[in-house]
Every structure is written in structure tokens, then in C-alpha cells.
Amino acid sequence: MTIQEQRAADHDEDIITELSEAEFREAAYAALDRLGITYAQLHDMASRRDFSSAQAHSLWVTIGGALDL
């Protein structure tokens, strides 16, 4: 994965990384693969508010609804 732009934010410790849509999609699928679930399964967990793990919940917070995967 390549990073289009990485720049410092207003605070010294914050870094903002901007990805293209393709890079974001690739990262989302890789995260789903690592968790062993599909986007449909993650979406179902979110609709029931019953996630299989803290990592699944965190992934939903990150990618949920952002793209139609």
C-alpha cells in the first residue's frame, strides 16, 4: 500500500495519513481478512450491536458505512 500524503496535524503527536479510495478499500479488505469475517458479517454485527470482538467493533468504527464494500 502506498501513502499519498502524510503530514503533521496541529499537534506535534498527531499524524494524518491520506489514502486513495483504492488504498482505503484494500486496507479494509485486509483488515476483514485478518479478522476472518466479511463486510456483510461486520455490517450484521453492527446492526445487532453485537460484535464478535473489540477488533471487529473498532473496524466498524473505522470503515462502517464509509464504502459500500
C-alpha atoms as a PDB file:
ATOM      1  CA  MET A   1       0.000   0.000   0.000  1.00  0.00           C
ATOM      2  CA  THR A   2       1.322   3.407  -0.853  1.00  0.00           C
ATOM      3  CA  ILE A   3       0.587   6.534   1.094  1.00  0.00           C
ATOM      4  CA  GLN A   4      -0.484   9.518  -0.967  1.00  0.00           C
ATOM      5  CA  GLU A   5       0.270  12.103   1.649  1.00  0.00           C
ATOM      6  CA  GLN A   6       1.354  12.139   5.240  1.00  0.00           C
ATOM      7  CA  ARG A   7       1.530  15.409   7.109  1.00  0.00           C
ATOM      8  CA  ALA A   8       1.646  16.662  10.634  1.00  0.00           C
ATOM      9  CA  ALA A   9      -1.541  17.987  12.165  1.00  0.00           C
ATOM     10  CA  ASP A  10      -1.899  20.935  14.519  1.00  0.00           C
ATOM     11  CA  HIS A  11      -0.473  18.889  17.382  1.00  0.00           C
ATOM     12  CA  ASP A  12       3.055  17.514  17.415  1.00  0.00           C
ATOM     13  CA  GLU A  13       1.949  13.962  18.175  1.00  0.00           C
ATOM     14  CA  ASP A  14      -0.830  13.751  15.550  1.00  0.00           C
ATOM     15  CA  ILE A  15      -0.143  12.413  12.062  1.00  0.00           C
ATOM     16  CA  ILE A  16      -2.774  12.488   9.327  1.00  0.00           C
ATOM     17  CA  THR A  17      -2.419   9.866   6.599  1.00  0.00           C
ATOM     18  CA  GLU A  18      -4.499  10.314   3.476  1.00  0.00           C
ATOM     19  CA  LEU A  19      -5.264   7.295   1.290  1.00  0.00           C
ATOM     20  CA  SER A  20      -6.826   6.998  -2.109  1.00  0.00           C
ATOM     21  CA  GLU A  21     -10.168   5.199  -2.301  1.00  0.00           C
ATOM     22  CA  ALA A  22      -8.410   2.136  -3.726  1.00  0.00           C
ATOM     23  CA  GLU A  23      -5.887   2.112  -0.873  1.00  0.00           C
ATOM     24  CA  PHE A  24      -8.663   2.508   1.700  1.00  0.00           C
ATOM     25  CA  ARG A  25     -10.625  -0.349   0.133  1.00  0.00           C
ATOM     26  CA  GLU A  26      -7.517  -2.563   0.065  1.00  0.00           C
ATOM     27  CA  ALA A  27      -6.801  -1.835   3.726  1.00  0.00           C
ATOM     28  CA  ALA A  28     -10.428  -2.522   4.690  1.00  0.00           C
ATOM     29  CA  TYR A  29     -10.434  -5.899   2.940  1.00  0.00           C
ATOM     30  CA  ALA A  30      -7.092  -6.790   4.540  1.00  0.00           C
ATOM     31  CA  ALA A  31      -8.480  -5.960   7.994  1.00  0.00           C
ATOM     32  CA  LEU A  32     -11.599  -8.049   7.339  1.00  0.00           C
ATOM     33  CA  ASP A  33      -9.379 -10.943   6.197  1.00  0.00           C
ATOM     34  CA  ARG A  34      -7.278 -10.680   9.365  1.00  0.00           C
ATOM     35  CA  LEU A  35     -10.467 -10.960  11.429  1.00  0.00           C
ATOM     36  CA  GLY A  36     -11.795 -13.793   9.271  1.00  0.00           C
ATOM     37  CA  ILE A  37     -15.085 -12.044   8.508  1.00  0.00           C
ATOM     38  CA  THR A  38     -16.801 -10.455   5.534  1.00  0.00           C
ATOM     39  CA  TYR A  39     -18.106  -6.905   5.297  1.00  0.00           C
ATOM     40  CA  ALA A  40     -21.645  -8.323   5.293  1.00  0.00           C
ATOM     41  CA  GLN A  41     -20.936 -10.119   8.576  1.00  0.00           C
ATOM     42  CA  LEU A  42     -19.425  -6.977  10.077  1.00  0.00           C
ATOM     43  CA  HIS A  43     -22.439  -4.952   8.938  1.00  0.00           C
ATOM     44  CA  ASP A  44     -24.761  -7.523  10.524  1.00  0.00           C
ATOM     45  CA  MET A  45     -22.839  -7.320  13.806  1.00  0.00           C
ATOM     46  CA  ALA A  46     -23.196  -3.542  13.724  1.00  0.00           C
ATOM     47  CA  SER A  47     -26.931  -3.693  13.032  1.00  0.00           C
ATOM     48  CA  ARG A  48     -27.347  -6.015  16.031  1.00  0.00           C
ATOM     49  CA  ARG A  49     -24.799  -4.034  18.090  1.00  0.00           C
ATOM     50  CA  ASP A  50     -23.203  -7.357  18.923  1.00  0.00           C
ATOM     51  CA  PHE A  51     -19.604  -7.549  17.725  1.00  0.00           C
ATOM     52  CA  SER A  52     -17.587 -10.755  17.834  1.00  0.00           C
ATOM     53  CA  SER A  53     -14.559  -8.903  19.224  1.00  0.00           C
ATOM     54  CA  ALA A  54     -13.251  -5.499  20.196  1.00  0.00           C
ATOM     55  CA  GLN A  55     -11.261  -5.552  16.956  1.00  0.00           C
ATOM     56  CA  ALA A  56     -14.441  -6.056  14.914  1.00  0.00           C
ATOM     57  CA  HIS A  57     -16.086  -3.149  16.713  1.00  0.00           C
ATOM     58  CA  SER A  58     -13.042  -0.954  16.119  1.00  0.00           C
ATOM     59  CA  LEU A  59     -13.032  -1.886  12.432  1.00  0.00           C
ATOM     60  CA  TRP A  60     -16.705  -0.937  12.124  1.00  0.00           C
ATOM     61  CA  VAL A  61     -15.986   2.426  13.735  1.00  0.00           C
ATOM     62  CA  THR A  62     -13.221   2.898  11.166  1.00  0.00           C
ATOM     63  CA  ILE A  63     -14.861   1.665   7.940  1.00  0.00           C
ATOM     64  CA  GLY A  64     -18.555   1.138   8.666  1.00  0.00           C
ATOM     65  CA  GLY A  65     -20.659   2.791   6.027  1.00  0.00           C
ATOM     66  CA  ALA A  66     -17.693   4.676   4.552  1.00  0.00           C
ATOM     67  CA  LEU A  67     -17.656   2.484   1.479  1.00  0.00           C
ATOM     68  CA  ASP A  68     -20.132   0.038   0.039  1.00  0.00           C
ATOM     69  CA  LEU A  69     -17.814  -2.977   0.230  1.00  0.00           C
END
